[in-house]
Amino acid sequence: MGLRTGDEYLAGLRDGRQVWWDGRLVEDAATEPGLRNTALTVAQYYDFQHRLELADLLTYETPDGDRAHLSFIEPRTIDELRRRGAAFAAWAEVTGGLMGRAPDYMNACMMAMGNARHIWGKNDARLGENAYNIYLHCRRNDVCMTHTFVNPRVDRFAPLYEQDPYINAGIVETRSDGIVISGARMVGTLAPFCDENLSFGAPLGITDPRDSVYALGFQCKVNMPGLKWICRDKMDMERPHYDTPLATRFEEMDAIAVWEDAFVPWEDVFVANDLETHNLSLPGMKFMPSLGHHVLVKNVAKTRFLFGLAHLLAESAQVSQFINVQDRLGDILMWLNTMESLAIAAVEGAELNPENGLYYCNEGAINAALRLYPEVYPRIKEHLMQLGGGGYVSLPQEATLEVADLAIDKYYKGATSEAKDKVALFRLAWDIVGSSWGGRQELYERFFFGDSQRMKSLGYQFYDKTEATELVARILRPPQGRERLAWPEQYRSASDN
């Protein structure tokens, strides 16, 4: 099939899926108020990859002889990682980095999952081959994916076997042709707009054999029998574009997946009742370096957008010459430079995985970026709030601006801009700092790659501290003769012994 068009994508949404919102079934996300605008945004992504002048930037020739988006590529050189990053950056530039779950995010995930067949097949080679075949299916059919990796927040302390059974998705029956599952997983971002769902992962570290039914990884159709999707509130109120320019294009929607005795055939399963393999899932597939590459590139574009927005807010009232304002603008610029530098380091410091012959982004650079941004984003948002100040609480709507006898142009104009342009700028900023859509964006940036405090703690626990502690020990050694400093091991020669 190869690359899909936007029209082909939209047609695929009308498949009888069970998406529930506000007590009713959503029949078609492409026509549903509050969702249909985002469906068009996703469709534009698929049309974007068909632009002939961008073919080499966005796509590559696969071993099958067709073309696929570069986010699906199995990087066997550092240059292929560079090309993938450039393809990520192209769509992030179109969206201003405001669409975190664009299809290319999960494309990269499917590549990473499929190429971890040495992990999935550790105890059952059949499951490893299933994983790679699932990846090929997604690449060959240009599948739009959602994912559910997290168990419901019922009790994060009690062992799973002590909780009510099958709150978390688990295997209720094993058959010769597949498994039957019940329970829930979250957070299916973009689920109403997707074709299929990848589900595995949390919680890792399951050790009790009584919990083995929850050691589960599989792929399924969004419309599979026995699967319901429960959506949160909509953030797109379908106001005019002028009034809410971001919510009307980037309402990605989040949902919880609930399976009720749903059947999954063996060919769609890559982990089943296997605690050892389940616990190797994320590190085994190089989850952070693979998906983190997309996140980091997206965050570069997003930070650039936020910097431009902050600069224009300051210019609108001619306050950009004040030192306190320049300090805020300079702070955002510092983080933009940091993200850009980490994106370069992630690729140029890429590491070869001898298990499968693929290159993965430098894990240190990726993890630094993933742990920084949950702290950086609220800080940038605070700068935008301060720069806009009281201007946010007096914004009229587009329709009000068009009432001539209110003399809007006189009272709402900026130092160098007309009233309509200034209000449009402030309404754009308000969508970031004060709207319900903006609140969801902040929550997303704070938590979507895990609780930042916990992830930093885990990073510390698993980091190899040998080199750092040996450096301290060497500096502590007293001078010997003329040598003020002991030689590092790699610089020592036979004569130093």
Protein backbone atom coordinates (compact mmCIF):
# COMPACT_ATOMS: atom_id res chain seq x y z
CA MET A 1 0.00 0.00 0.00
CA GLY A 2 2.77 2.46 0.87
CA LEU A 3 2.15 6.10 1.73
CA ARG A 4 -1.47 6.99 2.46
CA THR A 5 -3.17 10.23 1.46
CA GLY A 6 -5.28 12.38 3.74
CA ASP A 7 -8.48 11.21 2.07
CA GLU A 8 -7.52 7.56 2.51
CA TYR A 9 -6.75 8.24 6.16
CA LEU A 10 -10.10 9.96 6.82
CA ALA A 11 -12.03 7.16 5.13
CA GLY A 12 -10.40 4.66 7.51
CA LEU A 13 -11.92 6.36 10.57
CA ARG A 14 -15.42 5.18 9.69
CA ASP A 15 -15.02 1.62 10.97
CA GLY A 16 -17.53 1.17 13.81
CA ARG A 17 -15.08 1.85 16.65
CA GLN A 18 -16.47 2.23 20.18
CA VAL A 19 -15.43 5.75 21.17
CA TRP A 20 -17.47 7.18 24.05
CA TRP A 21 -17.75 10.85 24.99
CA ASP A 22 -20.23 12.49 27.36
CA GLY A 23 -22.41 9.42 27.57
CA ARG A 24 -22.79 8.74 23.88
CA LEU A 25 -21.06 6.90 21.07
CA VAL A 26 -18.98 8.98 18.66
CA GLU A 27 -19.77 7.55 15.26
CA ASP A 28 -17.09 9.29 13.19
CA ALA A 29 -14.22 11.42 14.49
CA ALA A 30 -13.95 13.01 11.04
CA THR A 31 -17.39 14.62 11.43
CA GLU A 32 -17.76 14.86 15.23
CA PRO A 33 -17.83 18.46 16.56
CA GLY A 34 -14.79 19.05 18.74
CA LEU A 35 -12.82 16.27 17.01
CA ARG A 36 -13.24 16.85 13.29
CA ASN A 37 -10.75 19.72 13.16
CA THR A 38 -7.96 17.54 14.51
CA ALA A 39 -8.90 14.78 12.06
CA LEU A 40 -8.19 17.30 9.30
CA THR A 41 -4.85 18.19 10.88
CA VAL A 42 -3.84 14.51 10.90
CA ALA A 43 -5.05 14.19 7.31
CA GLN A 44 -2.77 17.10 6.37
CA TYR A 45 0.17 15.15 7.82
CA TYR A 46 -0.57 12.32 5.37
CA ASP A 47 -0.96 14.74 2.46
CA PHE A 48 2.31 16.44 3.48
CA GLN A 49 4.33 13.27 2.83
CA HIS A 50 3.00 13.22 -0.76
CA ARG A 51 4.51 16.58 -1.72
CA LEU A 52 6.85 15.63 -4.54
CA GLU A 53 9.40 18.33 -3.76
CA LEU A 54 9.73 16.90 -0.22
CA ALA A 55 10.01 13.23 -1.16
CA ASP A 56 13.67 12.88 -0.19
CA LEU A 57 13.20 14.94 2.98
CA LEU A 58 10.23 12.97 4.29
CA THR A 59 10.39 9.48 2.79
CA TYR A 60 12.78 6.67 1.85
CA GLU A 61 12.76 3.60 -0.34
CA THR A 62 12.13 0.52 1.79
CA PRO A 63 13.60 -2.96 1.21
CA ASP A 64 10.22 -3.83 -0.32
CA GLY A 65 10.81 -1.28 -3.09
CA ASP A 66 8.01 1.09 -2.01
CA ARG A 67 8.33 4.36 -0.10
CA ALA A 68 7.60 5.00 3.56
CA HIS A 69 7.89 7.94 5.92
CA LEU A 70 11.42 8.23 7.32
CA SER A 71 10.08 7.79 10.85
CA PHE A 72 9.78 4.06 9.97
CA ILE A 73 13.43 3.70 8.93
CA GLU A 74 15.68 1.12 10.62
CA PRO A 75 18.77 3.33 11.09
CA ARG A 76 21.91 1.41 10.09
CA THR A 77 24.06 4.54 9.88
CA ILE A 78 24.25 7.80 11.78
CA ASP A 79 23.29 9.59 8.58
CA GLU A 80 20.00 7.71 8.55
CA LEU A 81 19.36 9.01 12.06
CA ARG A 82 20.07 12.52 10.75
CA ARG A 83 17.58 12.01 7.94
CA ARG A 84 14.95 10.74 10.37
CA GLY A 85 15.50 13.77 12.58
CA ALA A 86 15.08 16.10 9.61
CA ALA A 87 11.77 14.40 8.73
CA PHE A 88 10.60 14.80 12.33
CA ALA A 89 11.61 18.45 12.21
CA ALA A 90 9.67 19.13 9.00
CA TRP A 91 6.25 18.32 10.46
CA ALA A 92 7.21 19.89 13.80
CA GLU A 93 7.95 23.08 11.87
CA VAL A 94 4.50 22.95 10.23
CA THR A 95 2.78 22.54 13.61
CA GLY A 96 5.06 24.69 15.76
CA GLY A 97 5.81 21.57 17.79
CA LEU A 98 2.25 21.67 19.16
CA MET A 99 1.28 18.15 18.08
CA GLY A 100 3.15 15.77 20.34
CA ARG A 101 1.42 12.65 19.11
CA ALA A 102 1.70 13.17 15.36
CA PRO A 103 1.76 9.83 13.50
CA ASP A 104 5.56 9.93 13.08
CA TYR A 105 5.94 9.55 16.86
CA MET A 106 4.41 6.09 16.92
CA ASN A 107 5.99 5.17 13.59
CA ALA A 108 9.35 5.42 15.35
CA CYS A 109 7.95 3.39 18.24
CA MET A 110 6.82 0.60 15.92
CA MET A 111 10.29 0.45 14.38
CA ALA A 112 11.85 0.21 17.85
CA MET A 113 9.36 -2.41 18.98
CA GLY A 114 9.79 -4.53 15.85
CA ASN A 115 13.56 -4.43 16.02
CA ALA A 116 13.57 -5.67 19.61
CA ARG A 117 12.61 -9.14 18.44
CA HIS A 118 15.74 -10.47 20.17
CA ILE A 119 14.03 -9.37 23.42
CA TRP A 120 10.47 -10.50 22.68
CA GLY A 121 11.75 -13.80 21.31
CA LYS A 122 14.05 -14.49 24.24
CA ASN A 123 11.86 -17.32 25.55
CA ASP A 124 9.63 -17.86 22.51
CA ALA A 125 11.08 -17.11 19.07
CA ARG A 126 7.59 -16.96 17.58
CA LEU A 127 6.78 -13.83 19.59
CA GLY A 128 9.92 -12.08 18.38
CA GLU A 129 8.93 -12.68 14.78
CA ASN A 130 5.43 -11.44 15.57
CA ALA A 131 6.89 -8.13 16.74
CA TYR A 132 8.86 -7.60 13.55
CA ASN A 133 5.88 -8.56 11.39
CA ILE A 134 3.70 -6.05 13.26
CA TYR A 135 6.25 -3.35 12.47
CA LEU A 136 6.26 -4.35 8.78
CA HIS A 137 2.47 -4.28 8.73
CA CYS A 138 2.48 -0.72 10.09
CA ARG A 139 5.16 0.46 7.68
CA ARG A 140 3.64 -1.18 4.61
CA ASN A 141 0.14 0.13 5.37
CA ASP A 142 1.14 3.51 6.81
CA VAL A 143 -0.90 2.75 9.92
CA CYS A 144 -1.82 5.57 12.28
CA MET A 145 -1.10 4.31 15.79
CA THR A 146 -2.16 5.14 19.31
CA HIS A 147 -0.68 3.48 22.37
CA THR A 148 -1.72 2.40 25.87
CA PHE A 149 1.28 1.76 28.11
CA VAL A 150 0.02 2.68 31.60
CA ASN A 151 -2.29 0.93 34.05
CA PRO A 152 -5.22 2.85 35.58
CA ARG A 153 -4.45 4.93 38.66
CA VAL A 154 -6.31 2.80 41.21
CA ASP A 155 -3.58 1.73 43.63
CA ARG A 156 0.08 2.21 42.74
CA PHE A 157 1.36 0.59 45.96
CA ALA A 158 -0.55 -2.67 46.38
CA PRO A 159 0.70 -5.61 44.27
CA LEU A 160 -1.56 -6.29 41.31
CA TYR A 161 -2.64 -9.67 42.67
CA GLU A 162 -4.00 -7.95 45.81
CA GLN A 163 -6.21 -5.61 43.77
CA ASP A 164 -9.51 -6.46 42.12
CA PRO A 165 -8.67 -8.74 39.20
CA TYR A 166 -8.46 -7.30 35.73
CA ILE A 167 -8.63 -3.62 36.58
CA ASN A 168 -5.35 -3.65 34.70
CA ALA A 169 -5.42 -5.33 31.30
CA GLY A 170 -4.54 -9.00 31.66
CA ILE A 171 -4.93 -12.41 30.11
CA VAL A 172 -8.12 -14.19 31.20
CA GLU A 173 -7.76 -17.13 28.83
CA THR A 174 -4.97 -18.65 26.74
CA ARG A 175 -6.10 -20.54 23.65
CA SER A 176 -4.36 -22.32 20.81
CA ASP A 177 -5.23 -19.47 18.43
CA GLY A 178 -4.63 -16.53 20.76
CA ILE A 179 -5.45 -14.90 24.08
CA VAL A 180 -8.53 -13.32 25.64
CA ILE A 181 -7.95 -10.14 27.62
CA SER A 182 -9.93 -7.95 30.01
CA GLY A 183 -9.12 -4.76 31.89
CA ALA A 184 -7.94 -1.26 31.07
CA ARG A 185 -4.87 0.69 30.04
CA MET A 186 -4.24 4.36 29.38
CA VAL A 187 -3.49 6.97 28.02
CA GLY A 188 -4.62 6.49 24.42
CA THR A 189 -3.68 9.90 23.08
CA LEU A 190 -5.02 10.44 19.56
CA ALA A 191 -7.04 7.20 19.87
CA PRO A 192 -10.24 8.43 18.13
CA PHE A 193 -8.07 9.41 15.15
CA CYS A 194 -6.01 6.22 14.89
CA ASP A 195 -6.28 2.86 13.14
CA GLU A 196 -4.55 0.56 15.63
CA ASN A 197 -3.25 0.44 19.19
CA LEU A 198 0.03 -0.81 20.68
CA SER A 199 -0.28 -1.91 24.30
CA PHE A 200 2.44 -3.06 26.69
CA GLY A 201 4.73 -1.74 29.39
CA ALA A 202 3.83 -0.39 32.80
CA PRO A 203 4.23 -1.39 35.46
CA LEU A 204 7.67 -2.80 34.87
CA GLY A 205 9.35 -4.72 37.63
CA ILE A 206 6.59 -7.29 38.12
CA THR A 207 8.18 -10.13 40.07
CA ASP A 208 5.39 -12.19 41.62
CA PRO A 209 4.27 -15.13 39.45
CA ARG A 210 0.68 -14.40 40.53
CA ASP A 211 0.89 -11.23 38.41
CA SER A 212 2.13 -12.95 35.26
CA VAL A 213 -1.25 -12.52 33.52
CA TYR A 214 -0.47 -8.78 33.41
CA ALA A 215 2.84 -9.36 31.61
CA LEU A 216 1.31 -8.62 28.26
CA GLY A 217 2.22 -6.91 24.97
CA PHE A 218 0.08 -6.86 21.84
CA GLN A 219 -1.25 -4.90 18.89
CA CYS A 220 -4.95 -4.51 18.09
CA LYS A 221 -7.36 -2.59 15.89
CA VAL A 222 -8.94 0.47 17.48
CA ASN A 223 -12.29 -1.02 16.46
CA MET A 224 -11.63 -4.57 17.70
CA PRO A 225 -14.68 -6.35 19.20
CA GLY A 226 -14.76 -6.02 22.97
CA LEU A 227 -12.76 -2.75 23.11
CA LYS A 228 -14.23 0.56 24.27
CA TRP A 229 -12.50 3.95 24.39
CA ILE A 230 -13.57 6.41 27.11
CA CYS A 231 -12.64 10.03 26.31
CA ARG A 232 -11.96 13.02 28.53
CA ASP A 233 -13.62 16.42 27.94
CA LYS A 234 -13.12 18.03 24.57
CA MET A 235 -10.88 21.09 24.48
CA ASP A 236 -11.96 22.26 21.02
CA MET A 237 -15.14 24.27 21.48
CA GLU A 238 -15.20 24.99 17.73
CA ARG A 239 -14.90 28.73 18.18
CA PRO A 240 -13.67 30.74 15.18
CA HIS A 241 -9.99 30.24 14.39
CA TYR A 242 -9.24 33.82 15.43
CA ASP A 243 -10.59 33.19 18.95
CA THR A 244 -8.89 29.83 19.65
CA PRO A 245 -6.21 29.26 16.98
CA LEU A 246 -4.56 26.26 18.68
CA ALA A 247 -7.40 24.28 20.24
CA THR A 248 -9.16 24.23 16.87
CA ARG A 249 -6.26 22.35 15.26
CA PHE A 250 -4.45 20.35 17.93
CA GLU A 251 -7.08 18.67 20.14
CA GLU A 252 -5.36 15.28 20.22
CA MET A 253 -7.86 13.75 22.69
CA ASP A 254 -6.86 11.25 25.38
CA ALA A 255 -8.79 8.10 26.19
CA ILE A 256 -8.71 4.99 28.36
CA ALA A 257 -8.95 1.64 26.60
CA VAL A 258 -11.24 -0.94 28.23
CA TRP A 259 -11.19 -4.53 26.99
CA GLU A 260 -14.03 -6.88 27.93
CA ASP A 261 -13.18 -10.49 27.01
CA ALA A 262 -11.54 -9.31 23.81
CA PHE A 263 -9.77 -11.87 21.62
CA VAL A 264 -6.24 -11.18 20.30
CA PRO A 265 -4.78 -13.71 17.80
CA TRP A 266 -1.25 -14.95 18.46
CA GLU A 267 0.19 -13.11 15.44
CA ASP A 268 -0.63 -9.81 17.20
CA VAL A 269 1.03 -10.78 20.52
CA PHE A 270 4.69 -10.29 21.46
CA VAL A 271 4.60 -10.73 25.27
CA ALA A 272 2.34 -13.16 27.13
CA ASN A 273 2.63 -14.49 30.68
CA ASP A 274 6.39 -13.83 30.65
CA LEU A 275 7.62 -11.70 33.55
CA GLU A 276 11.25 -11.74 32.44
CA THR A 277 10.50 -10.42 28.95
CA HIS A 278 7.90 -7.97 30.20
CA ASN A 279 10.39 -6.40 32.59
CA LEU A 280 12.90 -5.97 29.75
CA SER A 281 10.38 -4.18 27.52
CA LEU A 282 11.42 -0.52 27.68
CA PRO A 283 15.21 -0.87 27.96
CA GLY A 284 15.20 -3.79 25.51
CA MET A 285 13.56 -1.83 22.70
CA LYS A 286 15.62 1.30 23.45
CA PHE A 287 12.39 3.11 24.22
CA MET A 288 13.87 6.41 25.41
CA PRO A 289 16.45 6.85 22.62
CA SER A 290 13.91 5.86 19.95
CA LEU A 291 10.82 7.82 20.92
CA GLY A 292 12.82 10.49 22.71
CA HIS A 293 14.37 11.53 19.40
CA HIS A 294 10.95 12.57 18.11
CA VAL A 295 10.12 14.30 21.40
CA LEU A 296 13.36 16.27 21.43
CA VAL A 297 12.97 17.45 17.83
CA LYS A 298 9.38 18.42 18.57
CA ASN A 299 10.50 20.36 21.63
CA VAL A 300 13.04 22.32 19.60
CA ALA A 301 10.28 23.54 17.29
CA LYS A 302 7.91 24.17 20.19
CA THR A 303 10.46 26.22 22.10
CA ARG A 304 11.23 28.23 18.98
CA PHE A 305 7.51 28.94 18.57
CA LEU A 306 7.21 29.99 22.22
CA PHE A 307 10.28 32.24 21.92
CA GLY A 308 8.82 33.94 18.85
CA LEU A 309 5.50 34.40 20.63
CA ALA A 310 7.17 35.88 23.71
CA HIS A 311 9.22 38.29 21.59
CA LEU A 312 6.12 39.51 19.74
CA LEU A 313 4.20 39.98 22.98
CA ALA A 314 7.01 42.15 24.30
CA GLU A 315 7.23 44.10 21.06
CA SER A 316 3.47 44.74 20.98
CA ALA A 317 3.79 47.06 23.98
CA GLN A 318 7.40 48.12 23.30
CA VAL A 319 8.65 46.63 26.56
CA SER A 320 11.37 44.51 25.00
CA GLN A 321 13.98 47.12 25.91
CA PHE A 322 13.41 46.65 29.65
CA ILE A 323 16.12 44.54 31.29
CA ASN A 324 13.62 42.42 33.26
CA VAL A 325 11.78 41.59 30.02
CA GLN A 326 15.03 40.82 28.21
CA ASP A 327 15.93 38.48 31.08
CA ARG A 328 12.74 36.50 30.45
CA LEU A 329 13.27 36.45 26.70
CA GLY A 330 16.90 35.48 27.16
CA ASP A 331 15.88 32.63 29.45
CA ILE A 332 13.60 31.16 26.76
CA LEU A 333 16.37 31.60 24.20
CA MET A 334 18.79 29.75 26.49
CA TRP A 335 16.44 26.77 26.60
CA LEU A 336 15.96 26.89 22.85
CA ASN A 337 19.74 26.75 22.41
CA THR A 338 19.93 23.92 24.94
CA MET A 339 17.31 21.82 23.15
CA GLU A 340 18.95 22.44 19.76
CA SER A 341 22.34 21.41 21.17
CA LEU A 342 20.94 18.25 22.75
CA ALA A 343 19.23 17.34 19.46
CA ILE A 344 22.61 17.54 17.70
CA ALA A 345 24.38 15.61 20.47
CA ALA A 346 21.69 12.91 20.42
CA VAL A 347 22.42 12.09 16.78
CA GLU A 348 26.15 12.80 16.54
CA GLY A 349 26.75 10.76 19.68
CA ALA A 350 24.58 7.87 18.45
CA GLU A 351 25.38 4.38 19.66
CA LEU A 352 25.37 1.09 17.74
CA ASN A 353 23.33 -1.72 19.26
CA PRO A 354 25.23 -4.95 18.44
CA GLU A 355 22.08 -6.99 19.10
CA ASN A 356 20.40 -5.79 15.91
CA GLY A 357 22.93 -3.63 14.04
CA LEU A 358 20.90 -0.42 14.41
CA TYR A 359 22.03 3.00 15.56
CA TYR A 360 20.13 4.65 18.41
CA CYS A 361 20.34 8.23 19.63
CA ASN A 362 22.73 8.95 22.47
CA GLU A 363 20.84 7.96 25.58
CA GLY A 364 22.49 10.55 27.81
CA ALA A 365 21.51 13.43 25.53
CA ILE A 366 17.96 12.11 25.14
CA ASN A 367 17.45 11.55 28.86
CA ALA A 368 18.81 15.00 29.69
CA ALA A 369 16.32 16.57 27.28
CA LEU A 370 13.40 14.45 28.50
CA ARG A 371 14.08 15.33 32.13
CA LEU A 372 14.67 19.03 31.47
CA TYR A 373 11.59 19.87 29.46
CA PRO A 374 8.98 19.06 32.15
CA GLU A 375 10.68 21.79 34.21
CA VAL A 376 11.41 24.13 31.31
CA TYR A 377 7.92 24.23 29.80
CA PRO A 378 6.06 25.56 32.90
CA ARG A 379 8.85 28.11 33.29
CA ILE A 380 8.39 29.35 29.72
CA LYS A 381 4.63 29.40 30.21
CA GLU A 382 5.13 31.61 33.27
CA HIS A 383 7.21 34.02 31.17
CA LEU A 384 4.39 34.25 28.65
CA MET A 385 1.88 34.88 31.45
CA GLN A 386 4.00 37.70 32.83
CA LEU A 387 4.66 39.25 29.44
CA GLY A 388 0.95 39.34 28.62
CA GLY A 389 -0.14 40.36 32.09
CA GLY A 390 -3.48 42.14 32.33
CA GLY A 391 -3.78 42.13 28.57
CA TYR A 392 -5.17 38.61 28.76
CA VAL A 393 -8.23 39.53 30.83
CA SER A 394 -9.61 42.13 28.41
CA LEU A 395 -9.57 40.31 25.08
CA PRO A 396 -12.63 40.72 22.86
CA GLN A 397 -13.77 38.11 20.36
CA GLU A 398 -13.45 38.37 16.59
CA ALA A 399 -17.15 39.13 16.21
CA THR A 400 -16.90 42.00 18.71
CA LEU A 401 -13.94 43.48 16.84
CA GLU A 402 -16.12 43.74 13.77
CA VAL A 403 -18.69 45.98 15.47
CA ALA A 404 -17.61 49.32 14.06
CA ASP A 405 -19.29 51.64 16.57
CA LEU A 406 -17.27 50.22 19.50
CA ALA A 407 -14.11 51.99 18.28
CA ILE A 408 -12.06 48.86 18.98
CA ASP A 409 -9.13 50.02 16.87
CA LYS A 410 -8.54 52.93 19.20
CA TYR A 411 -8.50 51.04 22.48
CA TYR A 412 -6.91 47.71 21.59
CA LYS A 413 -4.14 48.65 19.20
CA GLY A 414 -0.52 47.98 20.02
CA ALA A 415 2.47 50.30 19.88
CA THR A 416 3.29 49.09 16.37
CA SER A 417 0.24 47.00 15.39
CA GLU A 418 -3.42 47.38 14.59
CA ALA A 419 -6.00 46.25 17.12
CA LYS A 420 -7.05 43.13 15.26
CA ASP A 421 -3.43 41.94 14.91
CA LYS A 422 -2.60 42.62 18.55
CA VAL A 423 -5.71 40.86 19.87
CA ALA A 424 -5.02 37.89 17.60
CA LEU A 425 -1.52 37.61 19.05
CA PHE A 426 -2.80 37.77 22.61
CA ARG A 427 -5.54 35.23 21.93
CA LEU A 428 -2.90 32.88 20.52
CA ALA A 429 -0.83 33.32 23.68
CA TRP A 430 -3.92 32.79 25.86
CA ASP A 431 -4.55 29.47 24.17
CA ILE A 432 -1.14 28.48 25.55
CA VAL A 433 -1.22 30.03 29.03
CA GLY A 434 -4.87 30.11 30.10
CA SER A 435 -7.24 27.96 28.07
CA SER A 436 -8.28 24.40 28.93
CA TRP A 437 -6.31 23.26 25.88
CA GLY A 438 -3.24 25.07 27.24
CA GLY A 439 -3.71 23.41 30.63
CA ARG A 440 -3.74 20.00 28.99
CA GLN A 441 -0.56 20.93 27.08
CA GLU A 442 1.22 21.71 30.34
CA LEU A 443 0.03 18.47 31.94
CA TYR A 444 1.25 16.62 28.85
CA GLU A 445 4.72 18.18 29.02
CA ARG A 446 5.01 17.58 32.75
CA PHE A 447 4.09 13.90 32.82
CA PHE A 448 3.89 12.18 29.44
CA PHE A 449 7.32 10.52 29.74
CA GLY A 450 6.78 9.70 33.40
CA ASP A 451 6.93 11.61 36.66
CA SER A 452 10.07 13.73 36.38
CA GLN A 453 11.19 13.20 39.96
CA ARG A 454 10.84 9.43 39.72
CA MET A 455 12.55 9.30 36.33
CA LYS A 456 15.50 11.34 37.60
CA SER A 457 15.72 9.01 40.58
CA LEU A 458 15.76 5.97 38.31
CA GLY A 459 18.39 7.62 36.13
CA TYR A 460 20.60 8.06 39.18
CA GLN A 461 20.03 4.51 40.41
CA PHE A 462 20.96 2.84 37.12
CA TYR A 463 23.76 5.16 35.99
CA ASP A 464 27.22 3.60 35.97
CA LYS A 465 29.01 5.73 38.55
CA THR A 466 32.40 4.06 38.20
CA GLU A 467 34.08 6.68 36.04
CA ALA A 468 32.86 9.58 38.18
CA THR A 469 33.89 8.00 41.48
CA GLU A 470 37.29 6.94 40.14
CA LEU A 471 37.90 10.55 39.11
CA VAL A 472 37.20 11.70 42.68
CA ALA A 473 39.47 8.99 44.09
CA ARG A 474 42.30 10.01 41.75
CA ILE A 475 42.05 13.70 42.70
CA LEU A 476 42.18 12.67 46.38
CA ARG A 477 45.52 10.90 45.93
CA PRO A 478 48.46 12.89 47.38
CA PRO A 479 51.20 14.17 45.01
CA GLN A 480 54.12 11.85 44.30
CA GLY A 481 57.41 13.58 43.59
CA ARG A 482 57.07 16.15 40.80
CA GLU A 483 53.65 14.85 39.78
CA ARG A 484 50.98 17.00 41.32
CA LEU A 485 48.21 14.85 39.84
CA ALA A 486 47.85 11.10 39.41
CA TRP A 487 47.52 9.98 35.81
CA PRO A 488 44.12 8.68 34.62
CA GLU A 489 44.31 5.00 33.72
CA GLN A 490 43.91 5.64 30.00
CA TYR A 491 46.92 7.98 29.98
CA ARG A 492 49.23 5.83 32.05
CA SER A 493 52.28 4.13 30.53
CA ALA A 494 54.47 1.32 31.73
CA SER A 495 56.95 3.81 33.18
CA ASP A 496 54.23 5.23 35.46
CA ASN A 497 53.94 1.93 37.34
